[in-house]
Amino acid sequence: MGVVNIVLWLVGVGLVAVGFNRARGPWARYQDLKAQDENVARYRAWRGGPRDDGETGASVAMAILRRQAQVGWLIAGVGVVSVLLGFIVR
């Protein structure tokens, strides 16, 4: 084990922690908005009548939250790759 291995492990673990923390909040809020949106769709289908399928504030917020969560998971993924590189590099 060299210094490079330890540095890669520490950087990887740090990136996984940062990525997970960045993704957790937006992903939870996205799931809440998605559930609300599905509930509204069921209600409108039950009630009948015309539907407005245009872009809403909730759909814009869901897109933003989904993107923030994706960035967080990408950071965590880079951290996992860094940890794996720490085991491969000699």
PDB file of N, CA and C in Angstrom:
ATOM      1  N   MET A   1       0.847  -1.181   0.000  1.00  0.00           N
ATOM      2  CA  MET A   1       0.000   0.000   0.000  1.00  0.00           C
ATOM      3  C   MET A   1       0.884   1.232   0.000  1.00  0.00           C
ATOM      4  N   GLY A   2       0.597   2.056  -0.943  1.00  0.00           N
ATOM      5  CA  GLY A   2       1.368   3.280  -1.021  1.00  0.00           C
ATOM      6  C   GLY A   2       0.536   4.484  -0.623  1.00  0.00           C
ATOM      7  N   VAL A   3       1.179   5.598  -0.695  1.00  0.00           N
ATOM      8  CA  VAL A   3       0.524   6.853  -0.356  1.00  0.00           C
ATOM      9  C   VAL A   3      -0.578   7.158  -1.375  1.00  0.00           C
ATOM     10  N   VAL A   4      -0.328   6.801  -2.636  1.00  0.00           N
ATOM     11  CA  VAL A   4      -1.315   7.057  -3.687  1.00  0.00           C
ATOM     12  C   VAL A   4      -2.609   6.298  -3.402  1.00  0.00           C
ATOM     13  N   ASN A   5      -2.477   5.044  -2.977  1.00  0.00           N
ATOM     14  CA  ASN A   5      -3.661   4.246  -2.662  1.00  0.00           C
ATOM     15  C   ASN A   5      -4.483   4.889  -1.552  1.00  0.00           C
ATOM     16  N   ILE A   6      -3.820   5.294  -0.510  1.00  0.00           N
ATOM     17  CA  ILE A   6      -4.521   5.884   0.632  1.00  0.00           C
ATOM     18  C   ILE A   6      -5.190   7.201   0.241  1.00  0.00           C
ATOM     19  N   VAL A   7      -4.488   7.999  -0.558  1.00  0.00           N
ATOM     20  CA  VAL A   7      -5.065   9.268  -1.010  1.00  0.00           C
ATOM     21  C   VAL A   7      -6.306   9.002  -1.862  1.00  0.00           C
ATOM     22  N   LEU A   8      -6.227   8.044  -2.782  1.00  0.00           N
ATOM     23  CA  LEU A   8      -7.387   7.716  -3.617  1.00  0.00           C
ATOM     24  C   LEU A   8      -8.557   7.226  -2.771  1.00  0.00           C
ATOM     25  N   TRP A   9      -8.293   6.422  -1.766  1.00  0.00           N
ATOM     26  CA  TRP A   9      -9.366   5.935  -0.889  1.00  0.00           C
ATOM     27  C   TRP A   9     -10.014   7.083  -0.134  1.00  0.00           C
ATOM     28  N   LEU A  10      -9.177   7.948   0.442  1.00  0.00           N
ATOM     29  CA  LEU A  10      -9.718   9.062   1.214  1.00  0.00           C
ATOM     30  C   LEU A  10     -10.522  10.025   0.335  1.00  0.00           C
ATOM     31  N   VAL A  11      -9.988  10.327  -0.843  1.00  0.00           N
ATOM     32  CA  VAL A  11     -10.706  11.201  -1.773  1.00  0.00           C
ATOM     33  C   VAL A  11     -12.011  10.537  -2.199  1.00  0.00           C
ATOM     34  N   GLY A  12     -11.956   9.240  -2.485  1.00  0.00           N
ATOM     35  CA  GLY A  12     -13.150   8.513  -2.901  1.00  0.00           C
ATOM     36  C   GLY A  12     -14.222   8.488  -1.830  1.00  0.00           C
ATOM     37  N   VAL A  13     -13.837   8.195  -0.611  1.00  0.00           N
ATOM     38  CA  VAL A  13     -14.808   8.172   0.491  1.00  0.00           C
ATOM     39  C   VAL A  13     -15.395   9.565   0.708  1.00  0.00           C
ATOM     40  N   GLY A  14     -14.560  10.572   0.613  1.00  0.00           N
ATOM     41  CA  GLY A  14     -15.045  11.944   0.753  1.00  0.00           C
ATOM     42  C   GLY A  14     -16.035  12.317  -0.343  1.00  0.00           C
ATOM     43  N   LEU A  15     -15.722  11.940  -1.583  1.00  0.00           N
ATOM     44  CA  LEU A  15     -16.626  12.245  -2.687  1.00  0.00           C
ATOM     45  C   LEU A  15     -17.946  11.486  -2.561  1.00  0.00           C
ATOM     46  N   VAL A  16     -17.896  10.252  -2.111  1.00  0.00           N
ATOM     47  CA  VAL A  16     -19.129   9.490  -1.907  1.00  0.00           C
ATOM     48  C   VAL A  16     -19.990  10.177  -0.850  1.00  0.00           C
ATOM     49  N   ALA A  17     -19.385  10.612   0.225  1.00  0.00           N
ATOM     50  CA  ALA A  17     -20.138  11.280   1.288  1.00  0.00           C
ATOM     51  C   ALA A  17     -20.737  12.597   0.793  1.00  0.00           C
ATOM     52  N   VAL A  18     -19.945  13.391   0.092  1.00  0.00           N
ATOM     53  CA  VAL A  18     -20.430  14.673  -0.420  1.00  0.00           C
ATOM     54  C   VAL A  18     -21.541  14.445  -1.449  1.00  0.00           C
ATOM     55  N   GLY A  19     -21.331  13.500  -2.355  1.00  0.00           N
ATOM     56  CA  GLY A  19     -22.334  13.219  -3.377  1.00  0.00           C
ATOM     57  C   GLY A  19     -23.639  12.721  -2.782  1.00  0.00           C
ATOM     58  N   PHE A  20     -23.534  11.839  -1.808  1.00  0.00           N
ATOM     59  CA  PHE A  20     -24.741  11.321  -1.169  1.00  0.00           C
ATOM     60  C   PHE A  20     -25.506  12.430  -0.460  1.00  0.00           C
ATOM     61  N   ASN A  21     -24.785  13.289   0.239  1.00  0.00           N
ATOM     62  CA  ASN A  21     -25.443  14.396   0.941  1.00  0.00           C
ATOM     63  C   ASN A  21     -26.076  15.391  -0.032  1.00  0.00           C
ATOM     64  N   ARG A  22     -25.434  15.612  -1.173  1.00  0.00           N
ATOM     65  CA  ARG A  22     -25.994  16.527  -2.172  1.00  0.00           C
ATOM     66  C   ARG A  22     -27.208  15.938  -2.859  1.00  0.00           C
ATOM     67  N   ALA A  23     -27.260  14.628  -3.016  1.00  0.00           N
ATOM     68  CA  ALA A  23     -28.352  13.993  -3.743  1.00  0.00           C
ATOM     69  C   ALA A  23     -29.550  13.680  -2.853  1.00  0.00           C
ATOM     70  N   ARG A  24     -29.330  13.461  -1.588  1.00  0.00           N
ATOM     71  CA  ARG A  24     -30.383  12.985  -0.693  1.00  0.00           C
ATOM     72  C   ARG A  24     -31.550  13.971  -0.580  1.00  0.00           C
ATOM     73  N   GLY A  25     -31.280  15.233  -0.345  1.00  0.00           N
ATOM     74  CA  GLY A  25     -32.344  16.223  -0.167  1.00  0.00           C
ATOM     75  C   GLY A  25     -33.189  16.436  -1.414  1.00  0.00           C
ATOM     76  N   PRO A  26     -32.555  16.752  -2.557  1.00  0.00           N
ATOM     77  CA  PRO A  26     -33.352  16.946  -3.773  1.00  0.00           C
ATOM     78  C   PRO A  26     -34.119  15.685  -4.193  1.00  0.00           C
ATOM     79  N   TRP A  27     -33.530  14.508  -3.986  1.00  0.00           N
ATOM     80  CA  TRP A  27     -34.212  13.277  -4.389  1.00  0.00           C
ATOM     81  C   TRP A  27     -35.461  13.050  -3.537  1.00  0.00           C
ATOM     82  N   ALA A  28     -35.390  13.324  -2.244  1.00  0.00           N
ATOM     83  CA  ALA A  28     -36.558  13.158  -1.371  1.00  0.00           C
ATOM     84  C   ALA A  28     -37.656  14.146  -1.772  1.00  0.00           C
ATOM     85  N   ARG A  29     -37.289  15.384  -2.028  1.00  0.00           N
ATOM     86  CA  ARG A  29     -38.287  16.385  -2.440  1.00  0.00           C
ATOM     87  C   ARG A  29     -38.868  16.037  -3.803  1.00  0.00           C
ATOM     88  N   TYR A  30     -38.048  15.520  -4.711  1.00  0.00           N
ATOM     89  CA  TYR A  30     -38.531  15.096  -6.027  1.00  0.00           C
ATOM     90  C   TYR A  30     -39.566  13.983  -5.880  1.00  0.00           C
ATOM     91  N   GLN A  31     -39.295  13.031  -5.014  1.00  0.00           N
ATOM     92  CA  GLN A  31     -40.244  11.936  -4.808  1.00  0.00           C
ATOM     93  C   GLN A  31     -41.563  12.455  -4.244  1.00  0.00           C
ATOM     94  N   ASP A  32     -41.501  13.424  -3.339  1.00  0.00           N
ATOM     95  CA  ASP A  32     -42.723  14.017  -2.790  1.00  0.00           C
ATOM     96  C   ASP A  32     -43.533  14.725  -3.873  1.00  0.00           C
ATOM     97  N   LEU A  33     -42.864  15.517  -4.702  1.00  0.00           N
ATOM     98  CA  LEU A  33     -43.563  16.220  -5.777  1.00  0.00           C
ATOM     99  C   LEU A  33     -44.128  15.244  -6.811  1.00  0.00           C
ATOM    100  N   LYS A  34     -43.401  14.183  -7.079  1.00  0.00           N
ATOM    101  CA  LYS A  34     -43.865  13.173  -8.032  1.00  0.00           C
ATOM    102  C   LYS A  34     -45.128  12.492  -7.509  1.00  0.00           C
ATOM    103  N   ALA A  35     -45.154  12.172  -6.218  1.00  0.00           N
ATOM    104  CA  ALA A  35     -46.341  11.556  -5.622  1.00  0.00           C
ATOM    105  C   ALA A  35     -47.530  12.511  -5.674  1.00  0.00           C
ATOM    106  N   GLN A  36     -47.298  13.790  -5.395  1.00  0.00           N
ATOM    107  CA  GLN A  36     -48.373  14.781  -5.477  1.00  0.00           C
ATOM    108  C   GLN A  36     -48.887  14.903  -6.903  1.00  0.00           C
ATOM    109  N   ASP A  37     -47.978  14.911  -7.871  1.00  0.00           N
ATOM    110  CA  ASP A  37     -48.361  15.026  -9.267  1.00  0.00           C
ATOM    111  C   ASP A  37     -49.194  13.821  -9.707  1.00  0.00           C
ATOM    112  N   GLU A  38     -48.809  12.630  -9.285  1.00  0.00           N
ATOM    113  CA  GLU A  38     -49.582  11.430  -9.612  1.00  0.00           C
ATOM    114  C   GLU A  38     -50.960  11.484  -8.956  1.00  0.00           C
ATOM    115  N   ASN A  39     -51.040  12.003  -7.748  1.00  0.00           N
ATOM    116  CA  ASN A  39     -52.318  12.132  -7.055  1.00  0.00           C
ATOM    117  C   ASN A  39     -53.235  13.102  -7.795  1.00  0.00           C
ATOM    118  N   VAL A  40     -52.692  14.217  -8.246  1.00  0.00           N
ATOM    119  CA  VAL A  40     -53.479  15.188  -9.002  1.00  0.00           C
ATOM    120  C   VAL A  40     -53.959  14.568 -10.307  1.00  0.00           C
ATOM    121  N   ALA A  41     -53.098  13.803 -10.973  1.00  0.00           N
ATOM    122  CA  ALA A  41     -53.490  13.154 -12.229  1.00  0.00           C
ATOM    123  C   ALA A  41     -54.624  12.157 -11.996  1.00  0.00           C
ATOM    124  N   ARG A  42     -54.543  11.395 -10.892  1.00  0.00           N
ATOM    125  CA  ARG A  42     -55.635  10.454 -10.587  1.00  0.00           C
ATOM    126  C   ARG A  42     -56.930  11.194 -10.303  1.00  0.00           C
ATOM    127  N   TYR A  43     -56.839  12.293  -9.572  1.00  0.00           N
ATOM    128  CA  TYR A  43     -58.035  13.075  -9.256  1.00  0.00           C
ATOM    129  C   TYR A  43     -58.658  13.646 -10.524  1.00  0.00           C
ATOM    130  N   ARG A  44     -57.846  14.188 -11.391  1.00  0.00           N
ATOM    131  CA  ARG A  44     -58.370  14.759 -12.639  1.00  0.00           C
ATOM    132  C   ARG A  44     -58.979  13.681 -13.523  1.00  0.00           C
ATOM    133  N   ALA A  45     -58.373  12.493 -13.543  1.00  0.00           N
ATOM    134  CA  ALA A  45     -58.939  11.392 -14.332  1.00  0.00           C
ATOM    135  C   ALA A  45     -60.279  10.948 -13.741  1.00  0.00           C
ATOM    136  N   TRP A  46     -60.393  10.941 -12.430  1.00  0.00           N
ATOM    137  CA  TRP A  46     -61.637  10.540 -11.774  1.00  0.00           C
ATOM    138  C   TRP A  46     -62.731  11.582 -12.001  1.00  0.00           C
ATOM    139  N   ARG A  47     -62.339  12.853 -11.907  1.00  0.00           N
ATOM    140  CA  ARG A  47     -63.300  13.938 -12.040  1.00  0.00           C
ATOM    141  C   ARG A  47     -63.746  14.114 -13.480  1.00  0.00           C
ATOM    142  N   GLY A  48     -62.857  13.835 -14.402  1.00  0.00           N
ATOM    143  CA  GLY A  48     -63.175  14.020 -15.813  1.00  0.00           C
ATOM    144  C   GLY A  48     -63.005  15.467 -16.218  1.00  0.00           C
ATOM    145  N   GLY A  49     -63.430  15.765 -17.417  1.00  0.00           N
ATOM    146  CA  GLY A  49     -63.341  17.132 -17.898  1.00  0.00           C
ATOM    147  C   GLY A  49     -62.024  17.379 -18.609  1.00  0.00           C
ATOM    148  N   PRO A  50     -61.820  18.602 -19.052  1.00  0.00           N
ATOM    149  CA  PRO A  50     -60.591  18.907 -19.805  1.00  0.00           C
ATOM    150  C   PRO A  50     -59.359  18.894 -18.902  1.00  0.00           C
ATOM    151  N   ARG A  51     -58.266  18.504 -19.495  1.00  0.00           N
ATOM    152  CA  ARG A  51     -56.999  18.473 -18.754  1.00  0.00           C
ATOM    153  C   ARG A  51     -56.026  19.465 -19.371  1.00  0.00           C
ATOM    154  N   ASP A  52     -55.298  20.109 -18.518  1.00  0.00           N
ATOM    155  CA  ASP A  52     -54.238  21.005 -18.971  1.00  0.00           C
ATOM    156  C   ASP A  52     -52.920  20.268 -18.774  1.00  0.00           C
ATOM    157  N   ASP A  53     -52.363  19.768 -19.862  1.00  0.00           N
ATOM    158  CA  ASP A  53     -51.123  18.995 -19.776  1.00  0.00           C
ATOM    159  C   ASP A  53     -49.891  19.865 -20.004  1.00  0.00           C
ATOM    160  N   GLY A  54     -50.028  21.147 -19.845  1.00  0.00           N
ATOM    161  CA  GLY A  54     -48.908  22.058 -20.037  1.00  0.00           C
ATOM    162  C   GLY A  54     -47.901  21.972 -18.898  1.00  0.00           C
ATOM    163  N   GLU A  55     -46.852  22.726 -19.053  1.00  0.00           N
ATOM    164  CA  GLU A  55     -45.806  22.746 -18.045  1.00  0.00           C
ATOM    165  C   GLU A  55     -46.277  23.539 -16.830  1.00  0.00           C
ATOM    166  N   THR A  56     -46.085  22.951 -15.658  1.00  0.00           N
ATOM    167  CA  THR A  56     -46.483  23.605 -14.419  1.00  0.00           C
ATOM    168  C   THR A  56     -45.245  23.956 -13.611  1.00  0.00           C
ATOM    169  N   GLY A  57     -45.449  24.711 -12.573  1.00  0.00           N
ATOM    170  CA  GLY A  57     -44.335  25.038 -11.683  1.00  0.00           C
ATOM    171  C   GLY A  57     -43.770  23.796 -11.020  1.00  0.00           C
ATOM    172  N   ALA A  58     -44.666  22.851 -10.701  1.00  0.00           N
ATOM    173  CA  ALA A  58     -44.212  21.609 -10.070  1.00  0.00           C
ATOM    174  C   ALA A  58     -43.366  20.782 -11.027  1.00  0.00           C
ATOM    175  N   SER A  59     -43.752  20.763 -12.303  1.00  0.00           N
ATOM    176  CA  SER A  59     -42.958  19.978 -13.258  1.00  0.00           C
ATOM    177  C   SER A  59     -41.577  20.602 -13.473  1.00  0.00           C
ATOM    178  N   VAL A  60     -41.510  21.916 -13.445  1.00  0.00           N
ATOM    179  CA  VAL A  60     -40.212  22.589 -13.560  1.00  0.00           C
ATOM    180  C   VAL A  60     -39.361  22.299 -12.322  1.00  0.00           C
ATOM    181  N   ALA A  61     -39.981  22.371 -11.150  1.00  0.00           N
ATOM    182  CA  ALA A  61     -39.255  22.075  -9.913  1.00  0.00           C
ATOM    183  C   ALA A  61     -38.780  20.628  -9.896  1.00  0.00           C
ATOM    184  N   MET A  62     -39.616  19.705 -10.393  1.00  0.00           N
ATOM    185  CA  MET A  62     -39.209  18.297 -10.434  1.00  0.00           C
ATOM    186  C   MET A  62     -38.013  18.102 -11.355  1.00  0.00           C
ATOM    187  N   ALA A  63     -37.987  18.799 -12.480  1.00  0.00           N
ATOM    188  CA  ALA A  63     -36.847  18.684 -13.396  1.00  0.00           C
ATOM    189  C   ALA A  63     -35.574  19.221 -12.745  1.00  0.00           C
ATOM    190  N   ILE A  64     -35.682  20.333 -12.045  1.00  0.00           N
ATOM    191  CA  ILE A  64     -34.515  20.918 -11.367  1.00  0.00           C
ATOM    192  C   ILE A  64     -34.018  19.991 -10.266  1.00  0.00           C
ATOM    193  N   LEU A  65     -34.946  19.474  -9.457  1.00  0.00           N
ATOM    194  CA  LEU A  65     -34.567  18.579  -8.363  1.00  0.00           C
ATOM    195  C   LEU A  65     -33.952  17.281  -8.887  1.00  0.00           C
ATOM    196  N   ARG A  66     -34.519  16.756  -9.969  1.00  0.00           N
ATOM    197  CA  ARG A  66     -33.973  15.531 -10.566  1.00  0.00           C
ATOM    198  C   ARG A  66     -32.540  15.771 -11.040  1.00  0.00           C
ATOM    199  N   ARG A  67     -32.296  16.921 -11.654  1.00  0.00           N
ATOM    200  CA  ARG A  67     -30.953  17.252 -12.135  1.00  0.00           C
ATOM    201  C   ARG A  67     -29.971  17.409 -10.969  1.00  0.00           C
ATOM    202  N   GLN A  68     -30.410  18.059  -9.890  1.00  0.00           N
ATOM    203  CA  GLN A  68     -29.547  18.212  -8.720  1.00  0.00           C
ATOM    204  C   GLN A  68     -29.205  16.843  -8.123  1.00  0.00           C
ATOM    205  N   ALA A  69     -30.181  15.960  -8.065  1.00  0.00           N
ATOM    206  CA  ALA A  69     -29.933  14.616  -7.534  1.00  0.00           C
ATOM    207  C   ALA A  69     -28.979  13.849  -8.443  1.00  0.00           C
ATOM    208  N   GLN A  70     -29.138  14.003  -9.759  1.00  0.00           N
ATOM    209  CA  GLN A  70     -28.239  13.326 -10.695  1.00  0.00           C
ATOM    210  C   GLN A  70     -26.805  13.802 -10.522  1.00  0.00           C
ATOM    211  N   VAL A  71     -26.621  15.089 -10.321  1.00  0.00           N
ATOM    212  CA  VAL A  71     -25.267  15.613 -10.102  1.00  0.00           C
ATOM    213  C   VAL A  71     -24.678  15.028  -8.824  1.00  0.00           C
ATOM    214  N   GLY A  72     -25.486  14.940  -7.777  1.00  0.00           N
ATOM    215  CA  GLY A  72     -25.009  14.341  -6.525  1.00  0.00           C
ATOM    216  C   GLY A  72     -24.621  12.886  -6.700  1.00  0.00           C
ATOM    217  N   TRP A  73     -25.446  12.130  -7.406  1.00  0.00           N
ATOM    218  CA  TRP A  73     -25.113  10.707  -7.632  1.00  0.00           C
ATOM    219  C   TRP A  73     -23.885  10.572  -8.530  1.00  0.00           C
ATOM    220  N   LEU A  74     -23.702  11.507  -9.460  1.00  0.00           N
ATOM    221  CA  LEU A  74     -22.503  11.473 -10.301  1.00  0.00           C
ATOM    222  C   LEU A  74     -21.250  11.699  -9.462  1.00  0.00           C
ATOM    223  N   ILE A  75     -21.322  12.630  -8.536  1.00  0.00           N
ATOM    224  CA  ILE A  75     -20.186  12.879  -7.643  1.00  0.00           C
ATOM    225  C   ILE A  75     -19.891  11.632  -6.815  1.00  0.00           C
ATOM    226  N   ALA A  76     -20.939  10.997  -6.293  1.00  0.00           N
ATOM    227  CA  ALA A  76     -20.751   9.765  -5.521  1.00  0.00           C
ATOM    228  C   ALA A  76     -20.163   8.660  -6.394  1.00  0.00           C
ATOM    229  N   GLY A  77     -20.587   8.593  -7.648  1.00  0.00           N
ATOM    230  CA  GLY A  77     -20.041   7.593  -8.572  1.00  0.00           C
ATOM    231  C   GLY A  77     -18.561   7.802  -8.841  1.00  0.00           C
ATOM    232  N   VAL A  78     -18.158   9.054  -8.978  1.00  0.00           N
ATOM    233  CA  VAL A  78     -16.726   9.359  -9.144  1.00  0.00           C
ATOM    234  C   VAL A  78     -15.961   8.926  -7.904  1.00  0.00           C
ATOM    235  N   GLY A  79     -16.572   9.102  -6.741  1.00  0.00           N
ATOM    236  CA  GLY A  79     -15.934   8.659  -5.506  1.00  0.00           C
ATOM    237  C   GLY A  79     -15.760   7.146  -5.467  1.00  0.00           C
ATOM    238  N   VAL A  80     -16.760   6.406  -5.918  1.00  0.00           N
ATOM    239  CA  VAL A  80     -16.644   4.944  -5.962  1.00  0.00           C
ATOM    240  C   VAL A  80     -15.531   4.529  -6.919  1.00  0.00           C
ATOM    241  N   VAL A  81     -15.455   5.187  -8.068  1.00  0.00           N
ATOM    242  CA  VAL A  81     -14.384   4.883  -9.025  1.00  0.00           C
ATOM    243  C   VAL A  81     -13.027   5.184  -8.406  1.00  0.00           C
ATOM    244  N   SER A  82     -12.935   6.262  -7.656  1.00  0.00           N
ATOM    245  CA  SER A  82     -11.675   6.610  -7.009  1.00  0.00           C
ATOM    246  C   SER A  82     -11.272   5.547  -5.989  1.00  0.00           C
ATOM    247  N   VAL A  83     -12.243   5.057  -5.219  1.00  0.00           N
ATOM    248  CA  VAL A  83     -11.930   4.002  -4.247  1.00  0.00           C
ATOM    249  C   VAL A  83     -11.463   2.747  -4.979  1.00  0.00           C
ATOM    250  N   LEU A  84     -12.141   2.383  -6.060  1.00  0.00           N
ATOM    251  CA  LEU A  84     -11.729   1.200  -6.830  1.00  0.00           C
ATOM    252  C   LEU A  84     -10.341   1.387  -7.430  1.00  0.00           C
ATOM    253  N   LEU A  85     -10.048   2.581  -7.915  1.00  0.00           N
ATOM    254  CA  LEU A  85      -8.703   2.863  -8.431  1.00  0.00           C
ATOM    255  C   LEU A  85      -7.657   2.734  -7.326  1.00  0.00           C
ATOM    256  N   GLY A  86      -8.046   3.060  -6.109  1.00  0.00           N
ATOM    257  CA  GLY A  86      -7.130   2.912  -4.985  1.00  0.00           C
ATOM    258  C   GLY A  86      -6.721   1.459  -4.761  1.00  0.00           C
ATOM    259  N   PHE A  87      -7.610   0.533  -5.101  1.00  0.00           N
ATOM    260  CA  PHE A  87      -7.274  -0.881  -4.981  1.00  0.00           C
ATOM    261  C   PHE A  87      -6.491  -1.377  -6.184  1.00  0.00           C
ATOM    262  N   ILE A  88      -6.700  -0.776  -7.353  1.00  0.00           N
ATOM    263  CA  ILE A  88      -6.039  -1.249  -8.573  1.00  0.00           C
ATOM    264  C   ILE A  88      -4.623  -0.705  -8.706  1.00  0.00           C
ATOM    265  N   VAL A  89      -4.426   0.577  -8.399  1.00  0.00           N
ATOM    266  CA  VAL A  89      -3.122   1.221  -8.574  1.00  0.00           C
ATOM    267  C   VAL A  89      -2.126   0.647  -7.582  1.00  0.00           C
ATOM    268  N   ARG A  90      -0.939   0.408  -8.097  1.00  0.00           N
ATOM    269  CA  ARG A  90       0.115  -0.131  -7.226  1.00  0.00           C
ATOM    270  C   ARG A  90       1.262   0.825  -7.146  1.00  0.00           C
TER     271      ARG A  90
END
